[in-house]
């Protein structure tokens, strides 16, 4: 590893569903075509590693999103997705809208 951070800034991008989230992170995170596009696959990708060479080549993954759409309310799938990020090696930062 390179003691570096992979910062994926999705602010300004409409993310209404988990599918929108997978679409948004696929390219910057280097997710392979066969990526499962589900919460278990994402957990394996960021916690266990070995799925994405891009993520694996960084010590820390930080994903920035706006507090709207999927992340704007009390949606169960957003809470489960957020819980996969450990807050140390993998961080989800939800930004309030001004």
PDB file of N, CA and C in Angstrom:
ATOM      1  N   UNK A   1       0.839  -1.186   0.000  1.00  0.00           N
ATOM      2  CA  UNK A   1       0.000   0.000   0.000  1.00  0.00           C
ATOM      3  C   UNK A   1       0.881   1.244   0.000  1.00  0.00           C
ATOM      4  N   UNK A   2       0.289   2.343  -0.373  1.00  0.00           N
ATOM      5  CA  UNK A   2       1.072   3.551  -0.605  1.00  0.00           C
ATOM      6  C   UNK A   2       0.863   4.650   0.432  1.00  0.00           C
ATOM      7  N   UNK A   3       0.235   4.353   1.571  1.00  0.00           N
ATOM      8  CA  UNK A   3      -0.079   5.387   2.564  1.00  0.00           C
ATOM      9  C   UNK A   3      -0.823   6.548   1.929  1.00  0.00           C
ATOM     10  N   UNK A   4      -1.791   6.233   1.118  1.00  0.00           N
ATOM     11  CA  UNK A   4      -2.520   7.282   0.417  1.00  0.00           C
ATOM     12  C   UNK A   4      -4.023   7.105   0.582  1.00  0.00           C
ATOM     13  N   UNK A   5      -4.726   8.160   0.244  1.00  0.00           N
ATOM     14  CA  UNK A   5      -6.184   8.167   0.311  1.00  0.00           C
ATOM     15  C   UNK A   5      -6.761   8.175  -1.095  1.00  0.00           C
ATOM     16  N   UNK A   6      -7.772   7.373  -1.296  1.00  0.00           N
ATOM     17  CA  UNK A   6      -8.577   7.437  -2.510  1.00  0.00           C
ATOM     18  C   UNK A   6      -9.812   8.237  -2.142  1.00  0.00           C
ATOM     19  N   UNK A   7      -9.947   9.416  -2.715  1.00  0.00           N
ATOM     20  CA  UNK A   7     -11.082  10.291  -2.420  1.00  0.00           C
ATOM     21  C   UNK A   7     -12.027  10.269  -3.613  1.00  0.00           C
ATOM     22  N   UNK A   8     -13.259   9.845  -3.358  1.00  0.00           N
ATOM     23  CA  UNK A   8     -14.293   9.784  -4.379  1.00  0.00           C
ATOM     24  C   UNK A   8     -15.337  10.825  -4.004  1.00  0.00           C
ATOM     25  N   UNK A   9     -15.380  11.912  -4.762  1.00  0.00           N
ATOM     26  CA  UNK A   9     -16.281  13.024  -4.446  1.00  0.00           C
ATOM     27  C   UNK A   9     -17.511  12.953  -5.347  1.00  0.00           C
ATOM     28  N   UNK A  10     -18.623  12.551  -4.772  1.00  0.00           N
ATOM     29  CA  UNK A  10     -19.874  12.403  -5.519  1.00  0.00           C
ATOM     30  C   UNK A  10     -20.841  13.557  -5.256  1.00  0.00           C
ATOM     31  N   UNK A  11     -20.352  14.610  -4.599  1.00  0.00           N
ATOM     32  CA  UNK A  11     -21.221  15.763  -4.342  1.00  0.00           C
ATOM     33  C   UNK A  11     -21.665  16.369  -5.662  1.00  0.00           C
ATOM     34  N   UNK A  12     -22.924  16.751  -5.713  1.00  0.00           N
ATOM     35  CA  UNK A  12     -23.495  17.323  -6.923  1.00  0.00           C
ATOM     36  C   UNK A  12     -24.072  16.278  -7.863  1.00  0.00           C
ATOM     37  N   UNK A  13     -23.797  15.032  -7.609  1.00  0.00           N
ATOM     38  CA  UNK A  13     -24.319  13.953  -8.449  1.00  0.00           C
ATOM     39  C   UNK A  13     -25.596  13.414  -7.807  1.00  0.00           C
ATOM     40  N   UNK A  14     -26.678  13.304  -8.568  1.00  0.00           N
ATOM     41  CA  UNK A  14     -27.915  12.777  -7.984  1.00  0.00           C
ATOM     42  C   UNK A  14     -27.789  11.279  -7.689  1.00  0.00           C
ATOM     43  N   UNK A  15     -27.980  10.926  -6.436  1.00  0.00           N
ATOM     44  CA  UNK A  15     -27.931   9.529  -6.020  1.00  0.00           C
ATOM     45  C   UNK A  15     -29.223   9.242  -5.275  1.00  0.00           C
ATOM     46  N   UNK A  16     -30.157   8.635  -5.972  1.00  0.00           N
ATOM     47  CA  UNK A  16     -31.478   8.361  -5.407  1.00  0.00           C
ATOM     48  C   UNK A  16     -31.604   6.924  -4.906  1.00  0.00           C
ATOM     49  N   UNK A  17     -30.819   6.016  -5.491  1.00  0.00           N
ATOM     50  CA  UNK A  17     -30.940   4.592  -5.172  1.00  0.00           C
ATOM     51  C   UNK A  17     -29.547   3.981  -4.989  1.00  0.00           C
ATOM     52  N   UNK A  18     -29.526   2.763  -4.479  1.00  0.00           N
ATOM     53  CA  UNK A  18     -28.258   2.050  -4.393  1.00  0.00           C
ATOM     54  C   UNK A  18     -27.664   1.830  -5.781  1.00  0.00           C
ATOM     55  N   UNK A  19     -28.503   1.584  -6.780  1.00  0.00           N
ATOM     56  CA  UNK A  19     -27.988   1.430  -8.145  1.00  0.00           C
ATOM     57  C   UNK A  19     -27.289   2.696  -8.614  1.00  0.00           C
ATOM     58  N   UNK A  20     -27.835   3.851  -8.255  1.00  0.00           N
ATOM     59  CA  UNK A  20     -27.160   5.115  -8.584  1.00  0.00           C
ATOM     60  C   UNK A  20     -25.803   5.192  -7.891  1.00  0.00           C
ATOM     61  N   UNK A  21     -25.749   4.723  -6.640  1.00  0.00           N
ATOM     62  CA  UNK A  21     -24.481   4.724  -5.910  1.00  0.00           C
ATOM     63  C   UNK A  21     -23.472   3.814  -6.595  1.00  0.00           C
ATOM     64  N   UNK A  22     -23.896   2.596  -6.972  1.00  0.00           N
ATOM     65  CA  UNK A  22     -22.968   1.671  -7.654  1.00  0.00           C
ATOM     66  C   UNK A  22     -22.471   2.287  -8.957  1.00  0.00           C
ATOM     67  N   UNK A  23     -23.384   2.908  -9.712  1.00  0.00           N
ATOM     68  CA  UNK A  23     -22.980   3.569 -10.961  1.00  0.00           C
ATOM     69  C   UNK A  23     -21.943   4.650 -10.690  1.00  0.00           C
ATOM     70  N   UNK A  24     -22.138   5.401  -9.602  1.00  0.00           N
ATOM     71  CA  UNK A  24     -21.267   6.537  -9.291  1.00  0.00           C
ATOM     72  C   UNK A  24     -19.879   6.104  -8.828  1.00  0.00           C
ATOM     73  N   UNK A  25     -19.793   5.006  -8.071  1.00  0.00           N
ATOM     74  CA  UNK A  25     -18.487   4.584  -7.546  1.00  0.00           C
ATOM     75  C   UNK A  25     -17.753   3.616  -8.460  1.00  0.00           C
ATOM     76  N   UNK A  26     -18.430   3.036  -9.429  1.00  0.00           N
ATOM     77  CA  UNK A  26     -17.828   1.991 -10.261  1.00  0.00           C
ATOM     78  C   UNK A  26     -16.517   2.426 -10.906  1.00  0.00           C
ATOM     79  N   UNK A  27     -16.536   3.537 -11.620  1.00  0.00           N
ATOM     80  CA  UNK A  27     -15.328   3.972 -12.328  1.00  0.00           C
ATOM     81  C   UNK A  27     -14.231   4.475 -11.389  1.00  0.00           C
ATOM     82  N   UNK A  28     -14.533   5.448 -10.493  1.00  0.00           N
ATOM     83  CA  UNK A  28     -13.443   5.962  -9.657  1.00  0.00           C
ATOM     84  C   UNK A  28     -12.868   4.926  -8.696  1.00  0.00           C
ATOM     85  N   UNK A  29     -13.654   3.908  -8.345  1.00  0.00           N
ATOM     86  CA  UNK A  29     -13.157   2.864  -7.450  1.00  0.00           C
ATOM     87  C   UNK A  29     -12.608   1.660  -8.213  1.00  0.00           C
ATOM     88  N   UNK A  30     -12.691   1.702  -9.534  1.00  0.00           N
ATOM     89  CA  UNK A  30     -12.158   0.606 -10.334  1.00  0.00           C
ATOM     90  C   UNK A  30     -12.868  -0.715 -10.103  1.00  0.00           C
ATOM     91  N   UNK A  31     -14.194  -0.657  -9.945  1.00  0.00           N
ATOM     92  CA  UNK A  31     -14.934  -1.894  -9.710  1.00  0.00           C
ATOM     93  C   UNK A  31     -14.975  -2.716 -10.995  1.00  0.00           C
ATOM     94  N   UNK A  32     -14.717  -4.008 -10.891  1.00  0.00           N
ATOM     95  CA  UNK A  32     -14.727  -4.854 -12.088  1.00  0.00           C
ATOM     96  C   UNK A  32     -16.148  -5.052 -12.613  1.00  0.00           C
ATOM     97  N   UNK A  33     -16.245  -5.446 -13.870  1.00  0.00           N
ATOM     98  CA  UNK A  33     -17.554  -5.694 -14.499  1.00  0.00           C
ATOM     99  C   UNK A  33     -18.391  -6.683 -13.687  1.00  0.00           C
ATOM    100  N   UNK A  34     -17.732  -7.643 -13.058  1.00  0.00           N
ATOM    101  CA  UNK A  34     -18.444  -8.690 -12.339  1.00  0.00           C
ATOM    102  C   UNK A  34     -18.808  -8.301 -10.906  1.00  0.00           C
ATOM    103  N   UNK A  35     -18.533  -7.056 -10.517  1.00  0.00           N
ATOM    104  CA  UNK A  35     -18.884  -6.586  -9.177  1.00  0.00           C
ATOM    105  C   UNK A  35     -20.369  -6.818  -8.923  1.00  0.00           C
ATOM    106  N   UNK A  36     -20.715  -7.338  -7.756  1.00  0.00           N
ATOM    107  CA  UNK A  36     -22.074  -7.775  -7.442  1.00  0.00           C
ATOM    108  C   UNK A  36     -23.133  -6.707  -7.285  1.00  0.00           C
ATOM    109  N   UNK A  37     -22.753  -5.429  -7.152  1.00  0.00           N
ATOM    110  CA  UNK A  37     -23.712  -4.332  -7.007  1.00  0.00           C
ATOM    111  C   UNK A  37     -24.710  -4.582  -5.878  1.00  0.00           C
ATOM    112  N   UNK A  38     -24.192  -5.003  -4.732  1.00  0.00           N
ATOM    113  CA  UNK A  38     -25.027  -5.175  -3.553  1.00  0.00           C
ATOM    114  C   UNK A  38     -24.177  -4.868  -2.323  1.00  0.00           C
ATOM    115  N   UNK A  39     -24.823  -4.785  -1.177  1.00  0.00           N
ATOM    116  CA  UNK A  39     -24.137  -4.367   0.044  1.00  0.00           C
ATOM    117  C   UNK A  39     -23.075  -5.372   0.490  1.00  0.00           C
ATOM    118  N   UNK A  40     -23.332  -6.656   0.303  1.00  0.00           N
ATOM    119  CA  UNK A  40     -22.324  -7.658   0.668  1.00  0.00           C
ATOM    120  C   UNK A  40     -21.081  -7.523  -0.213  1.00  0.00           C
ATOM    121  N   UNK A  41     -21.284  -7.312  -1.498  1.00  0.00           N
ATOM    122  CA  UNK A  41     -20.149  -7.145  -2.411  1.00  0.00           C
ATOM    123  C   UNK A  41     -19.352  -5.890  -2.063  1.00  0.00           C
ATOM    124  N   UNK A  42     -20.049  -4.813  -1.708  1.00  0.00           N
ATOM    125  CA  UNK A  42     -19.360  -3.574  -1.329  1.00  0.00           C
ATOM    126  C   UNK A  42     -18.554  -3.786  -0.044  1.00  0.00           C
ATOM    127  N   UNK A  43     -19.143  -4.494   0.914  1.00  0.00           N
ATOM    128  CA  UNK A  43     -18.443  -4.797   2.154  1.00  0.00           C
ATOM    129  C   UNK A  43     -17.164  -5.584   1.867  1.00  0.00           C
ATOM    130  N   UNK A  44     -17.262  -6.591   1.043  1.00  0.00           N
ATOM    131  CA  UNK A  44     -16.076  -7.368   0.669  1.00  0.00           C
ATOM    132  C   UNK A  44     -15.037  -6.481  -0.010  1.00  0.00           C
ATOM    133  N   UNK A  45     -15.495  -5.577  -0.849  1.00  0.00           N
ATOM    134  CA  UNK A  45     -14.590  -4.719  -1.619  1.00  0.00           C
ATOM    135  C   UNK A  45     -13.808  -3.778  -0.723  1.00  0.00           C
ATOM    136  N   UNK A  46     -14.476  -3.150   0.249  1.00  0.00           N
ATOM    137  CA  UNK A  46     -13.776  -2.138   1.048  1.00  0.00           C
ATOM    138  C   UNK A  46     -13.197  -2.678   2.351  1.00  0.00           C
ATOM    139  N   UNK A  47     -13.744  -3.767   2.867  1.00  0.00           N
ATOM    140  CA  UNK A  47     -13.231  -4.306   4.122  1.00  0.00           C
ATOM    141  C   UNK A  47     -12.191  -5.396   3.894  1.00  0.00           C
ATOM    142  N   UNK A  48     -12.548  -6.383   3.121  1.00  0.00           N
ATOM    143  CA  UNK A  48     -11.675  -7.526   2.891  1.00  0.00           C
ATOM    144  C   UNK A  48     -10.630  -7.211   1.834  1.00  0.00           C
ATOM    145  N   UNK A  49     -11.031  -6.374   0.886  1.00  0.00           N
ATOM    146  CA  UNK A  49     -10.185  -5.994  -0.253  1.00  0.00           C
ATOM    147  C   UNK A  49     -10.001  -7.194  -1.182  1.00  0.00           C
ATOM    148  N   UNK A  50      -9.191  -7.021  -2.231  1.00  0.00           N
ATOM    149  CA  UNK A  50      -8.969  -8.092  -3.185  1.00  0.00           C
ATOM    150  C   UNK A  50      -9.938  -8.075  -4.360  1.00  0.00           C
ATOM    151  N   UNK A  51     -10.839  -7.089  -4.414  1.00  0.00           N
ATOM    152  CA  UNK A  51     -11.813  -6.992  -5.497  1.00  0.00           C
ATOM    153  C   UNK A  51     -11.383  -5.914  -6.500  1.00  0.00           C
ATOM    154  N   UNK A  52     -10.971  -4.770  -5.983  1.00  0.00           N
ATOM    155  CA  UNK A  52     -10.616  -3.619  -6.807  1.00  0.00           C
ATOM    156  C   UNK A  52      -9.138  -3.260  -6.619  1.00  0.00           C
ATOM    157  N   UNK A  53      -8.387  -3.306  -7.690  1.00  0.00           N
ATOM    158  CA  UNK A  53      -6.979  -2.916  -7.617  1.00  0.00           C
ATOM    159  C   UNK A  53      -6.837  -1.444  -7.240  1.00  0.00           C
ATOM    160  N   UNK A  54      -7.789  -0.620  -7.664  1.00  0.00           N
ATOM    161  CA  UNK A  54      -7.735   0.814  -7.348  1.00  0.00           C
ATOM    162  C   UNK A  54      -7.880   1.019  -5.847  1.00  0.00           C
ATOM    163  N   UNK A  55      -8.895   0.444  -5.247  1.00  0.00           N
ATOM    164  CA  UNK A  55      -9.090   0.574  -3.798  1.00  0.00           C
ATOM    165  C   UNK A  55      -7.938  -0.076  -3.052  1.00  0.00           C
ATOM    166  N   UNK A  56      -7.523  -1.240  -3.506  1.00  0.00           N
ATOM    167  CA  UNK A  56      -6.447  -1.967  -2.821  1.00  0.00           C
ATOM    168  C   UNK A  56      -5.127  -1.210  -2.838  1.00  0.00           C
ATOM    169  N   UNK A  57      -4.932  -0.324  -3.797  1.00  0.00           N
ATOM    170  CA  UNK A  57      -3.661   0.403  -3.885  1.00  0.00           C
ATOM    171  C   UNK A  57      -3.621   1.640  -2.982  1.00  0.00           C
ATOM    172  N   UNK A  58      -4.680   1.845  -2.202  1.00  0.00           N
ATOM    173  CA  UNK A  58      -4.751   2.961  -1.259  1.00  0.00           C
ATOM    174  C   UNK A  58      -5.024   2.435   0.143  1.00  0.00           C
ATOM    175  N   UNK A  59      -4.504   3.134   1.131  1.00  0.00           N
ATOM    176  CA  UNK A  59      -4.743   2.746   2.523  1.00  0.00           C
ATOM    177  C   UNK A  59      -6.140   3.133   2.997  1.00  0.00           C
ATOM    178  N   UNK A  60      -6.644   4.239   2.484  1.00  0.00           N
ATOM    179  CA  UNK A  60      -7.907   4.797   2.971  1.00  0.00           C
ATOM    180  C   UNK A  60      -8.804   5.136   1.787  1.00  0.00           C
ATOM    181  N   UNK A  61     -10.091   4.818   1.925  1.00  0.00           N
ATOM    182  CA  UNK A  61     -11.108   5.199   0.950  1.00  0.00           C
ATOM    183  C   UNK A  61     -12.042   6.196   1.619  1.00  0.00           C
ATOM    184  N   UNK A  62     -12.230   7.349   0.989  1.00  0.00           N
ATOM    185  CA  UNK A  62     -13.167   8.360   1.492  1.00  0.00           C
ATOM    186  C   UNK A  62     -14.148   8.679   0.379  1.00  0.00           C
ATOM    187  N   UNK A  63     -15.437   8.514   0.655  1.00  0.00           N
ATOM    188  CA  UNK A  63     -16.486   8.812  -0.310  1.00  0.00           C
ATOM    189  C   UNK A  63     -17.304   9.976   0.231  1.00  0.00           C
ATOM    190  N   UNK A  64     -17.397  11.059  -0.548  1.00  0.00           N
ATOM    191  CA  UNK A  64     -18.178  12.238  -0.182  1.00  0.00           C
ATOM    192  C   UNK A  64     -19.496  12.219  -0.965  1.00  0.00           C
ATOM    193  N   UNK A  65     -20.610  12.431  -0.263  1.00  0.00           N
ATOM    194  CA  UNK A  65     -21.933  12.507  -0.892  1.00  0.00           C
ATOM    195  C   UNK A  65     -22.706  13.676  -0.304  1.00  0.00           C
ATOM    196  N   UNK A  66     -23.724  14.115  -1.020  1.00  0.00           N
ATOM    197  CA  UNK A  66     -24.629  15.148  -0.526  1.00  0.00           C
ATOM    198  C   UNK A  66     -25.715  14.514   0.336  1.00  0.00           C
ATOM    199  N   UNK A  67     -26.201  15.278   1.282  1.00  0.00           N
ATOM    200  CA  UNK A  67     -27.296  14.837   2.136  1.00  0.00           C
ATOM    201  C   UNK A  67     -28.614  15.102   1.417  1.00  0.00           C
ATOM    202  N   UNK A  68     -28.856  14.303   0.402  1.00  0.00           N
ATOM    203  CA  UNK A  68     -30.102  14.366  -0.368  1.00  0.00           C
ATOM    204  C   UNK A  68     -30.276  13.026  -1.062  1.00  0.00           C
ATOM    205  N   UNK A  69     -31.437  12.815  -1.642  1.00  0.00           N
ATOM    206  CA  UNK A  69     -31.694  11.545  -2.306  1.00  0.00           C
ATOM    207  C   UNK A  69     -31.542  10.388  -1.345  1.00  0.00           C
ATOM    208  N   UNK A  70     -30.747   9.420  -1.720  1.00  0.00           N
ATOM    209  CA  UNK A  70     -30.521   8.239  -0.886  1.00  0.00           C
ATOM    210  C   UNK A  70     -30.049   8.613   0.509  1.00  0.00           C
ATOM    211  N   UNK A  71     -29.240   9.654   0.616  1.00  0.00           N
ATOM    212  CA  UNK A  71     -28.646  10.041   1.896  1.00  0.00           C
ATOM    213  C   UNK A  71     -29.374  11.209   2.563  1.00  0.00           C
ATOM    214  N   UNK A  72     -30.551  11.563   2.082  1.00  0.00           N
ATOM    215  CA  UNK A  72     -31.240  12.742   2.564  1.00  0.00           C
ATOM    216  C   UNK A  72     -32.275  12.515   3.639  1.00  0.00           C
ATOM    217  N   UNK A  73     -32.579  11.294   3.921  1.00  0.00           N
ATOM    218  CA  UNK A  73     -33.621  11.044   4.916  1.00  0.00           C
ATOM    219  C   UNK A  73     -33.250   9.902   5.825  1.00  0.00           C
ATOM    220  N   UNK A  74     -34.244   9.132   6.133  1.00  0.00           N
ATOM    221  CA  UNK A  74     -34.075   8.037   7.088  1.00  0.00           C
ATOM    222  C   UNK A  74     -34.243   6.702   6.362  1.00  0.00           C
ATOM    223  N   UNK A  75     -33.556   6.570   5.226  1.00  0.00           N
ATOM    224  CA  UNK A  75     -33.732   5.373   4.410  1.00  0.00           C
ATOM    225  C   UNK A  75     -32.854   4.226   4.914  1.00  0.00           C
ATOM    226  N   UNK A  76     -33.481   3.088   5.070  1.00  0.00           N
ATOM    227  CA  UNK A  76     -32.808   1.916   5.613  1.00  0.00           C
ATOM    228  C   UNK A  76     -31.576   1.537   4.811  1.00  0.00           C
ATOM    229  N   UNK A  77     -31.679   1.521   3.472  1.00  0.00           N
ATOM    230  CA  UNK A  77     -30.524   1.103   2.668  1.00  0.00           C
ATOM    231  C   UNK A  77     -29.349   2.067   2.815  1.00  0.00           C
ATOM    232  N   UNK A  78     -29.633   3.344   3.029  1.00  0.00           N
ATOM    233  CA  UNK A  78     -28.553   4.317   3.261  1.00  0.00           C
ATOM    234  C   UNK A  78     -27.877   4.050   4.594  1.00  0.00           C
ATOM    235  N   UNK A  79     -28.669   3.710   5.612  1.00  0.00           N
ATOM    236  CA  UNK A  79     -28.095   3.405   6.927  1.00  0.00           C
ATOM    237  C   UNK A  79     -27.218   2.152   6.868  1.00  0.00           C
ATOM    238  N   UNK A  80     -27.697   1.136   6.166  1.00  0.00           N
ATOM    239  CA  UNK A  80     -26.919  -0.099   6.048  1.00  0.00           C
ATOM    240  C   UNK A  80     -25.644   0.164   5.261  1.00  0.00           C
ATOM    241  N   UNK A  81     -25.747   0.900   4.169  1.00  0.00           N
ATOM    242  CA  UNK A  81     -24.556   1.248   3.389  1.00  0.00           C
ATOM    243  C   UNK A  81     -23.562   2.018   4.250  1.00  0.00           C
ATOM    244  N   UNK A  82     -24.040   3.016   4.976  1.00  0.00           N
ATOM    245  CA  UNK A  82     -23.155   3.818   5.829  1.00  0.00           C
ATOM    246  C   UNK A  82     -22.494   2.963   6.903  1.00  0.00           C
ATOM    247  N   UNK A  83     -23.195   1.955   7.397  1.00  0.00           N
ATOM    248  CA  UNK A  83     -22.636   1.111   8.460  1.00  0.00           C
ATOM    249  C   UNK A  83     -21.490   0.233   7.961  1.00  0.00           C
ATOM    250  N   UNK A  84     -21.391   0.034   6.668  1.00  0.00           N
ATOM    251  CA  UNK A  84     -20.304  -0.775   6.109  1.00  0.00           C
ATOM    252  C   UNK A  84     -18.976  -0.026   6.190  1.00  0.00           C
ATOM    253  N   UNK A  85     -19.043   1.292   6.095  1.00  0.00           N
ATOM    254  CA  UNK A  85     -17.839   2.107   6.233  1.00  0.00           C
ATOM    255  C   UNK A  85     -17.429   2.101   7.700  1.00  0.00           C
ATOM    256  N   UNK A  86     -16.159   1.794   7.990  1.00  0.00           N
ATOM    257  CA  UNK A  86     -15.727   1.664   9.381  1.00  0.00           C
ATOM    258  C   UNK A  86     -15.330   2.989  10.028  1.00  0.00           C
ATOM    259  N   UNK A  87     -15.254   4.054   9.262  1.00  0.00           N
ATOM    260  CA  UNK A  87     -14.908   5.361   9.819  1.00  0.00           C
ATOM    261  C   UNK A  87     -13.416   5.581   9.967  1.00  0.00           C
ATOM    262  N   UNK A  88     -12.633   4.580   9.672  1.00  0.00           N
ATOM    263  CA  UNK A  88     -11.174   4.688   9.760  1.00  0.00           C
ATOM    264  C   UNK A  88     -10.550   4.450   8.393  1.00  0.00           C
ATOM    265  N   UNK A  89     -10.498   3.184   7.999  1.00  0.00           N
ATOM    266  CA  UNK A  89      -9.922   2.842   6.696  1.00  0.00           C
ATOM    267  C   UNK A  89     -10.883   3.207   5.565  1.00  0.00           C
ATOM    268  N   UNK A  90     -12.172   3.195   5.847  1.00  0.00           N
ATOM    269  CA  UNK A  90     -13.206   3.485   4.861  1.00  0.00           C
ATOM    270  C   UNK A  90     -14.181   4.480   5.469  1.00  0.00           C
ATOM    271  N   UNK A  91     -14.330   5.623   4.816  1.00  0.00           N
ATOM    272  CA  UNK A  91     -15.178   6.682   5.385  1.00  0.00           C
ATOM    273  C   UNK A  91     -16.217   7.158   4.381  1.00  0.00           C
ATOM    274  N   UNK A  92     -17.423   7.324   4.873  1.00  0.00           N
ATOM    275  CA  UNK A  92     -18.486   7.956   4.109  1.00  0.00           C
ATOM    276  C   UNK A  92     -18.741   9.297   4.756  1.00  0.00           C
ATOM    277  N   UNK A  93     -18.591  10.387   3.997  1.00  0.00           N
ATOM    278  CA  UNK A  93     -18.809  11.735   4.508  1.00  0.00           C
ATOM    279  C   UNK A  93     -20.039  12.300   3.825  1.00  0.00           C
ATOM    280  N   UNK A  94     -21.080  12.558   4.618  1.00  0.00           N
ATOM    281  CA  UNK A  94     -22.332  13.104   4.096  1.00  0.00           C
ATOM    282  C   UNK A  94     -22.355  14.591   4.377  1.00  0.00           C
ATOM    283  N   UNK A  95     -22.422  15.385   3.323  1.00  0.00           N
ATOM    284  CA  UNK A  95     -22.378  16.841   3.429  1.00  0.00           C
ATOM    285  C   UNK A  95     -23.785  17.419   3.344  1.00  0.00           C
ATOM    286  N   UNK A  96     -24.129  18.267   4.306  1.00  0.00           N
ATOM    287  CA  UNK A  96     -25.397  18.984   4.264  1.00  0.00           C
ATOM    288  C   UNK A  96     -25.371  20.000   3.139  1.00  0.00           C
ATOM    289  N   UNK A  97     -26.529  20.301   2.617  1.00  0.00           N
ATOM    290  CA  UNK A  97     -26.633  21.273   1.527  1.00  0.00           C
ATOM    291  C   UNK A  97     -26.805  22.668   2.092  1.00  0.00           C
ATOM    292  N   UNK A  98     -26.113  23.598   1.520  1.00  0.00           N
ATOM    293  CA  UNK A  98     -26.178  24.994   1.996  1.00  0.00           C
ATOM    294  C   UNK A  98     -27.415  25.675   1.492  1.00  0.00           C
TER     295      UNK A  98
END
